[in-house]
Amino acid sequence: MINVNEYFEGAVKSLAYTTPQGRSTIGVIEPGEYEFGTSSHETMTVIEGSLEALLPGQDKWQTFTGGQTFEVEANTSFKVKTEVQSSYLCTYR
């Protein structure tokens, strides 16, 4: 089953699905800044565009572009911002 997720008044949308390897979402982020909480370990890969991420325990934003990945541990929060519409794949393992 594919589930549709919508956050921040529609500025972030994703499709969630489950494979034998686990849960994943593929989504699009509109320009802006957003904060997300995690309940499980997340690996986020930028597909297209660019995301700046402020990861837990860090004080500097890091830029990730197409094909680049960052990880966030469970039960934390992180921020992302973008100036262009960007897409991502997030796996929860």
C-alpha atoms as a PDB file:
ATOM      1  CA  MET A   1       0.000   0.000   0.000  1.00  0.00           C
ATOM      2  CA  ILE A   2       1.227   3.493  -0.864  1.00  0.00           C
ATOM      3  CA  ASN A   3       0.466   6.217   1.690  1.00  0.00           C
ATOM      4  CA  VAL A   4       0.469   9.932   0.933  1.00  0.00           C
ATOM      5  CA  ASN A   5       2.028  12.251   3.536  1.00  0.00           C
ATOM      6  CA  GLU A   6       1.711  16.023   3.628  1.00  0.00           C
ATOM      7  CA  TYR A   7       3.521  18.366   6.020  1.00  0.00           C
ATOM      8  CA  PHE A   8       3.877  22.111   6.591  1.00  0.00           C
ATOM      9  CA  GLU A   9       0.607  23.050   4.861  1.00  0.00           C
ATOM     10  CA  GLY A  10       1.524  21.068   1.740  1.00  0.00           C
ATOM     11  CA  ALA A  11       5.069  22.424   1.330  1.00  0.00           C
ATOM     12  CA  VAL A  12       6.499  18.917   1.881  1.00  0.00           C
ATOM     13  CA  LYS A  13       4.790  15.904   0.321  1.00  0.00           C
ATOM     14  CA  SER A  14       5.863  12.286   0.131  1.00  0.00           C
ATOM     15  CA  LEU A  15       4.747   8.836  -0.876  1.00  0.00           C
ATOM     16  CA  ALA A  16       5.435   6.144   1.720  1.00  0.00           C
ATOM     17  CA  TYR A  17       5.888   2.474   0.894  1.00  0.00           C
ATOM     18  CA  THR A  18       7.279  -0.694   2.446  1.00  0.00           C
ATOM     19  CA  THR A  19       9.602  -3.238   0.835  1.00  0.00           C
ATOM     20  CA  PRO A  20      11.161  -6.391   2.297  1.00  0.00           C
ATOM     21  CA  GLN A  21      14.100  -4.139   3.336  1.00  0.00           C
ATOM     22  CA  GLY A  22      11.859  -1.752   5.328  1.00  0.00           C
ATOM     23  CA  ARG A  23       9.942   1.517   5.104  1.00  0.00           C
ATOM     24  CA  SER A  24      10.811   4.333   2.698  1.00  0.00           C
ATOM     25  CA  THR A  25       9.421   7.624   1.464  1.00  0.00           C
ATOM     26  CA  ILE A  26      10.074   9.543  -1.702  1.00  0.00           C
ATOM     27  CA  GLY A  27       9.157  13.196  -1.599  1.00  0.00           C
ATOM     28  CA  VAL A  28       9.402  16.777  -2.752  1.00  0.00           C
ATOM     29  CA  ILE A  29      10.215  19.848  -0.652  1.00  0.00           C
ATOM     30  CA  GLU A  30       9.221  23.380  -1.645  1.00  0.00           C
ATOM     31  CA  PRO A  31      11.617  26.259  -0.911  1.00  0.00           C
ATOM     32  CA  GLY A  32      11.692  27.049   2.807  1.00  0.00           C
ATOM     33  CA  GLU A  33      13.024  25.823   6.152  1.00  0.00           C
ATOM     34  CA  TYR A  34      11.534  22.843   8.019  1.00  0.00           C
ATOM     35  CA  GLU A  35      12.199  20.850  11.185  1.00  0.00           C
ATOM     36  CA  PHE A  36      11.530  17.105  11.361  1.00  0.00           C
ATOM     37  CA  GLY A  37      11.533  14.694  14.286  1.00  0.00           C
ATOM     38  CA  THR A  38      12.654  11.094  13.910  1.00  0.00           C
ATOM     39  CA  SER A  39      11.270   7.949  15.519  1.00  0.00           C
ATOM     40  CA  SER A  40      13.709   5.614  13.764  1.00  0.00           C
ATOM     41  CA  HIS A  41      17.102   5.879  12.078  1.00  0.00           C
ATOM     42  CA  GLU A  42      16.770   7.789   8.779  1.00  0.00           C
ATOM     43  CA  THR A  43      18.979   7.917   5.727  1.00  0.00           C
ATOM     44  CA  MET A  44      18.059  10.762   3.403  1.00  0.00           C
ATOM     45  CA  THR A  45      19.352  10.883  -0.177  1.00  0.00           C
ATOM     46  CA  VAL A  46      18.839  13.979  -2.295  1.00  0.00           C
ATOM     47  CA  ILE A  47      17.556  12.979  -5.721  1.00  0.00           C
ATOM     48  CA  GLU A  48      17.346  16.361  -7.398  1.00  0.00           C
ATOM     49  CA  GLY A  49      17.946  19.909  -6.239  1.00  0.00           C
ATOM     50  CA  SER A  50      19.806  20.796  -3.072  1.00  0.00           C
ATOM     51  CA  LEU A  51      19.121  20.540   0.658  1.00  0.00           C
ATOM     52  CA  GLU A  52      20.952  22.243   3.476  1.00  0.00           C
ATOM     53  CA  ALA A  53      20.721  20.229   6.696  1.00  0.00           C
ATOM     54  CA  LEU A  54      21.367  21.165  10.306  1.00  0.00           C
ATOM     55  CA  LEU A  55      21.968  17.775  11.869  1.00  0.00           C
ATOM     56  CA  PRO A  56      21.664  16.895  15.574  1.00  0.00           C
ATOM     57  CA  GLY A  57      24.642  18.053  17.618  1.00  0.00           C
ATOM     58  CA  GLN A  58      25.954  20.240  14.788  1.00  0.00           C
ATOM     59  CA  ASP A  59      26.090  24.025  14.656  1.00  0.00           C
ATOM     60  CA  LYS A  60      26.848  24.397  10.939  1.00  0.00           C
ATOM     61  CA  TRP A  61      24.496  23.768   8.038  1.00  0.00           C
ATOM     62  CA  GLN A  62      25.765  21.231   5.485  1.00  0.00           C
ATOM     63  CA  THR A  63      24.766  21.238   1.804  1.00  0.00           C
ATOM     64  CA  PHE A  64      23.710  18.030   0.040  1.00  0.00           C
ATOM     65  CA  THR A  65      23.022  17.808  -3.695  1.00  0.00           C
ATOM     66  CA  GLY A  66      21.787  15.092  -6.058  1.00  0.00           C
ATOM     67  CA  GLY A  67      23.103  11.663  -5.070  1.00  0.00           C
ATOM     68  CA  GLN A  68      24.444  12.764  -1.699  1.00  0.00           C
ATOM     69  CA  THR A  69      23.215  11.228   1.563  1.00  0.00           C
ATOM     70  CA  PHE A  70      23.018  12.114   5.243  1.00  0.00           C
ATOM     71  CA  GLU A  71      21.884  10.087   8.251  1.00  0.00           C
ATOM     72  CA  VAL A  72      19.909  10.996  11.356  1.00  0.00           C
ATOM     73  CA  GLU A  73      19.605   8.812  14.447  1.00  0.00           C
ATOM     74  CA  ALA A  74      16.258   7.837  15.976  1.00  0.00           C
ATOM     75  CA  ASN A  75      14.497  10.065  18.496  1.00  0.00           C
ATOM     76  CA  THR A  76      16.187  13.295  17.453  1.00  0.00           C
ATOM     77  CA  SER A  77      15.255  16.223  15.252  1.00  0.00           C
ATOM     78  CA  PHE A  78      16.936  17.943  12.335  1.00  0.00           C
ATOM     79  CA  LYS A  79      16.305  20.931  10.088  1.00  0.00           C
ATOM     80  CA  VAL A  80      16.428  21.194   6.317  1.00  0.00           C
ATOM     81  CA  LYS A  81      16.137  24.211   4.075  1.00  0.00           C
ATOM     82  CA  THR A  82      16.190  24.737   0.353  1.00  0.00           C
ATOM     83  CA  GLU A  83      15.944  27.604  -2.092  1.00  0.00           C
ATOM     84  CA  VAL A  84      14.719  25.379  -4.939  1.00  0.00           C
ATOM     85  CA  GLN A  85      12.123  22.633  -5.180  1.00  0.00           C
ATOM     86  CA  SER A  86      14.039  19.461  -4.275  1.00  0.00           C
ATOM     87  CA  SER A  87      13.308  15.735  -4.171  1.00  0.00           C
ATOM     88  CA  TYR A  88      14.567  13.046  -1.803  1.00  0.00           C
ATOM     89  CA  LEU A  89      14.466   9.369  -0.860  1.00  0.00           C
ATOM     90  CA  CYS A  90      14.313   8.628   2.857  1.00  0.00           C
ATOM     91  CA  THR A  91      14.816   5.115   4.202  1.00  0.00           C
ATOM     92  CA  TYR A  92      13.911   4.134   7.757  1.00  0.00           C
ATOM     93  CA  ARG A  93      16.114   1.294   9.029  1.00  0.00           C
END
